[in-house]
Amino acid sequence: MKTYKREVAVALLIYLAYLGLYGRVEALEVIAWPFMLFVGAAFGMEWASKQTDLVTKRKTDDLDQK
């Protein structure tokens, strides 16, 4: 199942760039932190799922305890 979190994160980055170039700086100051937190989380979850075994290790530990 595809969640489109990375695609939404890229769209948010493009919107931030648009606001930086053509928009109001006041609006950019307010929404930059929440947008960047989402972008970091989206790409961080992708990295953690592909580069580490944190997700699979948790599943096997749960099965071993039962």
PDB file of N, CA and C in Angstrom:
ATOM      1  N   MET A   1       0.840  -1.182   0.000  1.00  0.00           N
ATOM      2  CA  MET A   1       0.000   0.000   0.000  1.00  0.00           C
ATOM      3  C   MET A   1       0.882   1.242   0.000  1.00  0.00           C
ATOM      4  N   LYS A   2       0.669   2.101  -0.938  1.00  0.00           N
ATOM      5  CA  LYS A   2       1.460   3.321  -1.068  1.00  0.00           C
ATOM      6  C   LYS A   2       0.806   4.449  -0.280  1.00  0.00           C
ATOM      7  N   THR A   3       1.614   5.162   0.521  1.00  0.00           N
ATOM      8  CA  THR A   3       1.075   6.221   1.360  1.00  0.00           C
ATOM      9  C   THR A   3       1.329   7.621   0.800  1.00  0.00           C
ATOM     10  N   TYR A   4       2.214   7.753  -0.164  1.00  0.00           N
ATOM     11  CA  TYR A   4       2.519   9.030  -0.812  1.00  0.00           C
ATOM     12  C   TYR A   4       3.101  10.077   0.138  1.00  0.00           C
ATOM     13  N   LYS A   5       3.757   9.640   1.206  1.00  0.00           N
ATOM     14  CA  LYS A   5       4.312  10.618   2.146  1.00  0.00           C
ATOM     15  C   LYS A   5       5.503  11.362   1.556  1.00  0.00           C
ATOM     16  N   ARG A   6       6.339  10.682   0.774  1.00  0.00           N
ATOM     17  CA  ARG A   6       7.478  11.381   0.160  1.00  0.00           C
ATOM     18  C   ARG A   6       7.021  12.345  -0.919  1.00  0.00           C
ATOM     19  N   GLU A   7       6.003  11.966  -1.679  1.00  0.00           N
ATOM     20  CA  GLU A   7       5.502  12.849  -2.722  1.00  0.00           C
ATOM     21  C   GLU A   7       4.871  14.105  -2.124  1.00  0.00           C
ATOM     22  N   VAL A   8       4.143  13.938  -1.029  1.00  0.00           N
ATOM     23  CA  VAL A   8       3.560  15.092  -0.342  1.00  0.00           C
ATOM     24  C   VAL A   8       4.666  15.967   0.231  1.00  0.00           C
ATOM     25  N   ALA A   9       5.730  15.345   0.752  1.00  0.00           N
ATOM     26  CA  ALA A   9       6.847  16.112   1.302  1.00  0.00           C
ATOM     27  C   ALA A   9       7.527  16.949   0.221  1.00  0.00           C
ATOM     28  N   VAL A  10       7.701  16.395  -0.958  1.00  0.00           N
ATOM     29  CA  VAL A  10       8.307  17.152  -2.060  1.00  0.00           C
ATOM     30  C   VAL A  10       7.381  18.297  -2.480  1.00  0.00           C
ATOM     31  N   ALA A  11       6.075  18.040  -2.511  1.00  0.00           N
ATOM     32  CA  ALA A  11       5.129  19.105  -2.851  1.00  0.00           C
ATOM     33  C   ALA A  11       5.184  20.229  -1.821  1.00  0.00           C
ATOM     34  N   LEU A  12       5.328  19.890  -0.551  1.00  0.00           N
ATOM     35  CA  LEU A  12       5.447  20.913   0.487  1.00  0.00           C
ATOM     36  C   LEU A  12       6.727  21.718   0.333  1.00  0.00           C
ATOM     37  N   LEU A  13       7.810  21.062  -0.039  1.00  0.00           N
ATOM     38  CA  LEU A  13       9.061  21.787  -0.274  1.00  0.00           C
ATOM     39  C   LEU A  13       8.929  22.758  -1.447  1.00  0.00           C
ATOM     40  N   ILE A  14       8.247  22.321  -2.488  1.00  0.00           N
ATOM     41  CA  ILE A  14       8.027  23.202  -3.635  1.00  0.00           C
ATOM     42  C   ILE A  14       7.161  24.399  -3.233  1.00  0.00           C
ATOM     43  N   TYR A  15       6.150  24.155  -2.405  1.00  0.00           N
ATOM     44  CA  TYR A  15       5.296  25.250  -1.933  1.00  0.00           C
ATOM     45  C   TYR A  15       6.084  26.223  -1.063  1.00  0.00           C
ATOM     46  N   LEU A  16       6.970  25.696  -0.212  1.00  0.00           N
ATOM     47  CA  LEU A  16       7.813  26.581   0.599  1.00  0.00           C
ATOM     48  C   LEU A  16       8.732  27.426  -0.275  1.00  0.00           C
ATOM     49  N   ALA A  17       9.265  26.826  -1.325  1.00  0.00           N
ATOM     50  CA  ALA A  17      10.112  27.580  -2.247  1.00  0.00           C
ATOM     51  C   ALA A  17       9.306  28.669  -2.958  1.00  0.00           C
ATOM     52  N   TYR A  18       8.078  28.336  -3.349  1.00  0.00           N
ATOM     53  CA  TYR A  18       7.220  29.325  -3.986  1.00  0.00           C
ATOM     54  C   TYR A  18       6.932  30.495  -3.042  1.00  0.00           C
ATOM     55  N   LEU A  19       6.608  30.157  -1.783  1.00  0.00           N
ATOM     56  CA  LEU A  19       6.350  31.225  -0.818  1.00  0.00           C
ATOM     57  C   LEU A  19       7.600  32.066  -0.573  1.00  0.00           C
ATOM     58  N   GLY A  20       8.752  31.437  -0.591  1.00  0.00           N
ATOM     59  CA  GLY A  20       9.989  32.178  -0.386  1.00  0.00           C
ATOM     60  C   GLY A  20      10.288  33.139  -1.523  1.00  0.00           C
ATOM     61  N   LEU A  21       9.938  32.746  -2.725  1.00  0.00           N
ATOM     62  CA  LEU A  21      10.223  33.597  -3.881  1.00  0.00           C
ATOM     63  C   LEU A  21       9.141  34.641  -4.134  1.00  0.00           C
ATOM     64  N   TYR A  22       7.872  34.230  -4.050  1.00  0.00           N
ATOM     65  CA  TYR A  22       6.791  35.113  -4.468  1.00  0.00           C
ATOM     66  C   TYR A  22       5.794  35.457  -3.364  1.00  0.00           C
ATOM     67  N   GLY A  23       5.822  34.738  -2.269  1.00  0.00           N
ATOM     68  CA  GLY A  23       4.801  34.913  -1.239  1.00  0.00           C
ATOM     69  C   GLY A  23       5.214  35.881  -0.161  1.00  0.00           C
ATOM     70  N   ARG A  24       4.438  35.857   0.881  1.00  0.00           N
ATOM     71  CA  ARG A  24       4.705  36.722   2.016  1.00  0.00           C
ATOM     72  C   ARG A  24       5.632  36.011   2.989  1.00  0.00           C
ATOM     73  N   VAL A  25       6.604  36.714   3.484  1.00  0.00           N
ATOM     74  CA  VAL A  25       7.580  36.129   4.392  1.00  0.00           C
ATOM     75  C   VAL A  25       6.931  35.794   5.741  1.00  0.00           C
ATOM     76  N   GLU A  26       5.915  36.541   6.136  1.00  0.00           N
ATOM     77  CA  GLU A  26       5.238  36.282   7.411  1.00  0.00           C
ATOM     78  C   GLU A  26       4.598  34.894   7.414  1.00  0.00           C
ATOM     79  N   ALA A  27       3.975  34.524   6.313  1.00  0.00           N
ATOM     80  CA  ALA A  27       3.364  33.202   6.211  1.00  0.00           C
ATOM     81  C   ALA A  27       4.434  32.114   6.206  1.00  0.00           C
ATOM     82  N   LEU A  28       5.531  32.383   5.570  1.00  0.00           N
ATOM     83  CA  LEU A  28       6.621  31.418   5.518  1.00  0.00           C
ATOM     84  C   LEU A  28       7.210  31.173   6.902  1.00  0.00           C
ATOM     85  N   GLU A  29       7.308  32.223   7.710  1.00  0.00           N
ATOM     86  CA  GLU A  29       7.829  32.075   9.066  1.00  0.00           C
ATOM     87  C   GLU A  29       6.940  31.176   9.916  1.00  0.00           C
ATOM     88  N   VAL A  30       5.653  31.199   9.665  1.00  0.00           N
ATOM     89  CA  VAL A  30       4.720  30.414  10.471  1.00  0.00           C
ATOM     90  C   VAL A  30       4.699  28.947  10.053  1.00  0.00           C
ATOM     91  N   ILE A  31       4.711  28.669   8.758  1.00  0.00           N
ATOM     92  CA  ILE A  31       4.521  27.289   8.307  1.00  0.00           C
ATOM     93  C   ILE A  31       5.809  26.542   8.011  1.00  0.00           C
ATOM     94  N   ALA A  32       6.947  27.176   8.083  1.00  0.00           N
ATOM     95  CA  ALA A  32       8.195  26.497   7.731  1.00  0.00           C
ATOM     96  C   ALA A  32       8.508  25.351   8.691  1.00  0.00           C
ATOM     97  N   TRP A  33       8.389  25.571   9.994  1.00  0.00           N
ATOM     98  CA  TRP A  33       8.720  24.516  10.961  1.00  0.00           C
ATOM     99  C   TRP A  33       7.832  23.285  10.839  1.00  0.00           C
ATOM    100  N   PRO A  34       6.503  23.421  10.823  1.00  0.00           N
ATOM    101  CA  PRO A  34       5.680  22.203  10.680  1.00  0.00           C
ATOM    102  C   PRO A  34       5.914  21.469   9.367  1.00  0.00           C
ATOM    103  N   PHE A  35       6.088  22.223   8.287  1.00  0.00           N
ATOM    104  CA  PHE A  35       6.338  21.585   6.996  1.00  0.00           C
ATOM    105  C   PHE A  35       7.657  20.825   7.019  1.00  0.00           C
ATOM    106  N   MET A  36       8.697  21.439   7.553  1.00  0.00           N
ATOM    107  CA  MET A  36      10.005  20.785   7.566  1.00  0.00           C
ATOM    108  C   MET A  36      10.029  19.589   8.515  1.00  0.00           C
ATOM    109  N   LEU A  37       9.266  19.631   9.587  1.00  0.00           N
ATOM    110  CA  LEU A  37       9.153  18.465  10.462  1.00  0.00           C
ATOM    111  C   LEU A  37       8.510  17.302   9.721  1.00  0.00           C
ATOM    112  N   PHE A  38       7.475  17.582   8.948  1.00  0.00           N
ATOM    113  CA  PHE A  38       6.839  16.528   8.160  1.00  0.00           C
ATOM    114  C   PHE A  38       7.786  15.982   7.102  1.00  0.00           C
ATOM    115  N   VAL A  39       8.497  16.867   6.428  1.00  0.00           N
ATOM    116  CA  VAL A  39       9.439  16.437   5.390  1.00  0.00           C
ATOM    117  C   VAL A  39      10.526  15.552   6.002  1.00  0.00           C
ATOM    118  N   GLY A  40      11.078  15.968   7.114  1.00  0.00           N
ATOM    119  CA  GLY A  40      12.106  15.165   7.778  1.00  0.00           C
ATOM    120  C   GLY A  40      11.594  13.812   8.228  1.00  0.00           C
ATOM    121  N   ALA A  41      10.384  13.790   8.758  1.00  0.00           N
ATOM    122  CA  ALA A  41       9.803  12.525   9.195  1.00  0.00           C
ATOM    123  C   ALA A  41       9.509  11.610   8.008  1.00  0.00           C
ATOM    124  N   ALA A  42       9.016  12.169   6.924  1.00  0.00           N
ATOM    125  CA  ALA A  42       8.687  11.350   5.752  1.00  0.00           C
ATOM    126  C   ALA A  42       9.933  10.692   5.171  1.00  0.00           C
ATOM    127  N   PHE A  43      10.993  11.459   4.999  1.00  0.00           N
ATOM    128  CA  PHE A  43      12.211  10.879   4.446  1.00  0.00           C
ATOM    129  C   PHE A  43      12.955  10.048   5.482  1.00  0.00           C
ATOM    130  N   GLY A  44      12.807  10.374   6.761  1.00  0.00           N
ATOM    131  CA  GLY A  44      13.426   9.582   7.816  1.00  0.00           C
ATOM    132  C   GLY A  44      12.786   8.213   7.948  1.00  0.00           C
ATOM    133  N   MET A  45      11.470   8.142   7.821  1.00  0.00           N
ATOM    134  CA  MET A  45      10.794   6.843   7.867  1.00  0.00           C
ATOM    135  C   MET A  45      11.204   5.986   6.683  1.00  0.00           C
ATOM    136  N   GLU A  46      11.364   6.599   5.545  1.00  0.00           N
ATOM    137  CA  GLU A  46      11.805   5.860   4.357  1.00  0.00           C
ATOM    138  C   GLU A  46      13.203   5.306   4.565  1.00  0.00           C
ATOM    139  N   TRP A  47      14.092   6.115   5.123  1.00  0.00           N
ATOM    140  CA  TRP A  47      15.451   5.671   5.380  1.00  0.00           C
ATOM    141  C   TRP A  47      15.468   4.539   6.396  1.00  0.00           C
ATOM    142  N   ALA A  48      14.710   4.675   7.465  1.00  0.00           N
ATOM    143  CA  ALA A  48      14.705   3.662   8.516  1.00  0.00           C
ATOM    144  C   ALA A  48      14.145   2.343   8.015  1.00  0.00           C
ATOM    145  N   SER A  49      13.169   2.386   7.145  1.00  0.00           N
ATOM    146  CA  SER A  49      12.583   1.139   6.666  1.00  0.00           C
ATOM    147  C   SER A  49      13.484   0.429   5.661  1.00  0.00           C
ATOM    148  N   LYS A  50      14.291   1.172   4.915  1.00  0.00           N
ATOM    149  CA  LYS A  50      15.133   0.540   3.894  1.00  0.00           C
ATOM    150  C   LYS A  50      16.569   0.288   4.341  1.00  0.00           C
ATOM    151  N   GLN A  51      17.113   1.100   5.225  1.00  0.00           N
ATOM    152  CA  GLN A  51      18.519   0.997   5.580  1.00  0.00           C
ATOM    153  C   GLN A  51      18.781   0.258   6.887  1.00  0.00           C
ATOM    154  N   THR A  52      17.771   0.109   7.719  1.00  0.00           N
ATOM    155  CA  THR A  52      17.966  -0.547   9.005  1.00  0.00           C
ATOM    156  C   THR A  52      17.001  -1.713   9.137  1.00  0.00           C
ATOM    157  N   ASP A  53      17.180  -2.496  10.184  1.00  0.00           N
ATOM    158  CA  ASP A  53      16.256  -3.593  10.441  1.00  0.00           C
ATOM    159  C   ASP A  53      15.399  -3.313  11.670  1.00  0.00           C
ATOM    160  N   LEU A  54      15.145  -2.049  11.945  1.00  0.00           N
ATOM    161  CA  LEU A  54      14.359  -1.684  13.116  1.00  0.00           C
ATOM    162  C   LEU A  54      12.936  -2.227  13.040  1.00  0.00           C
ATOM    163  N   VAL A  55      12.333  -2.184  11.872  1.00  0.00           N
ATOM    164  CA  VAL A  55      10.952  -2.624  11.722  1.00  0.00           C
ATOM    165  C   VAL A  55      10.875  -4.145  11.766  1.00  0.00           C
ATOM    166  N   THR A  56      11.735  -4.834  11.067  1.00  0.00           N
ATOM    167  CA  THR A  56      11.684  -6.290  11.043  1.00  0.00           C
ATOM    168  C   THR A  56      12.139  -6.880  12.370  1.00  0.00           C
ATOM    169  N   LYS A  57      13.072  -6.248  13.034  1.00  0.00           N
ATOM    170  CA  LYS A  57      13.535  -6.736  14.333  1.00  0.00           C
ATOM    171  C   LYS A  57      12.399  -6.687  15.341  1.00  0.00           C
ATOM    172  N   ARG A  58      11.621  -5.646  15.317  1.00  0.00           N
ATOM    173  CA  ARG A  58      10.497  -5.503  16.239  1.00  0.00           C
ATOM    174  C   ARG A  58       9.469  -6.597  16.001  1.00  0.00           C
ATOM    175  N   LYS A  59       9.189  -6.916  14.760  1.00  0.00           N
ATOM    176  CA  LYS A  59       8.201  -7.948  14.447  1.00  0.00           C
ATOM    177  C   LYS A  59       8.682  -9.323  14.905  1.00  0.00           C
ATOM    178  N   THR A  60       9.940  -9.638  14.696  1.00  0.00           N
ATOM    179  CA  THR A  60      10.438 -10.953  15.101  1.00  0.00           C
ATOM    180  C   THR A  60      10.542 -11.060  16.611  1.00  0.00           C
ATOM    181  N   ASP A  61      10.841  -9.981  17.301  1.00  0.00           N
ATOM    182  CA  ASP A  61      10.881 -10.008  18.761  1.00  0.00           C
ATOM    183  C   ASP A  61       9.498 -10.283  19.323  1.00  0.00           C
ATOM    184  N   ASP A  62       8.476  -9.711  18.738  1.00  0.00           N
ATOM    185  CA  ASP A  62       7.111  -9.946  19.197  1.00  0.00           C
ATOM    186  C   ASP A  62       6.703 -11.401  18.988  1.00  0.00           C
ATOM    187  N   LEU A  63       7.127 -11.988  17.880  1.00  0.00           N
ATOM    188  CA  LEU A  63       6.785 -13.388  17.607  1.00  0.00           C
ATOM    189  C   LEU A  63       7.529 -14.332  18.536  1.00  0.00           C
ATOM    190  N   ASP A  64       8.754 -14.003  18.916  1.00  0.00           N
ATOM    191  CA  ASP A  64       9.544 -14.847  19.813  1.00  0.00           C
ATOM    192  C   ASP A  64       8.949 -14.886  21.211  1.00  0.00           C
ATOM    193  N   GLN A  65       8.308 -13.836  21.647  1.00  0.00           N
ATOM    194  CA  GLN A  65       7.767 -13.765  23.003  1.00  0.00           C
ATOM    195  C   GLN A  65       6.478 -14.555  23.150  1.00  0.00           C
ATOM    196  N   LYS A  66       5.801 -14.831  22.054  1.00  0.00           N
ATOM    197  CA  LYS A  66       4.509 -15.538  22.139  1.00  0.00           C
ATOM    198  C   LYS A  66       4.684 -17.028  22.217  1.00  0.00           C
TER     199      LYS A  66
END
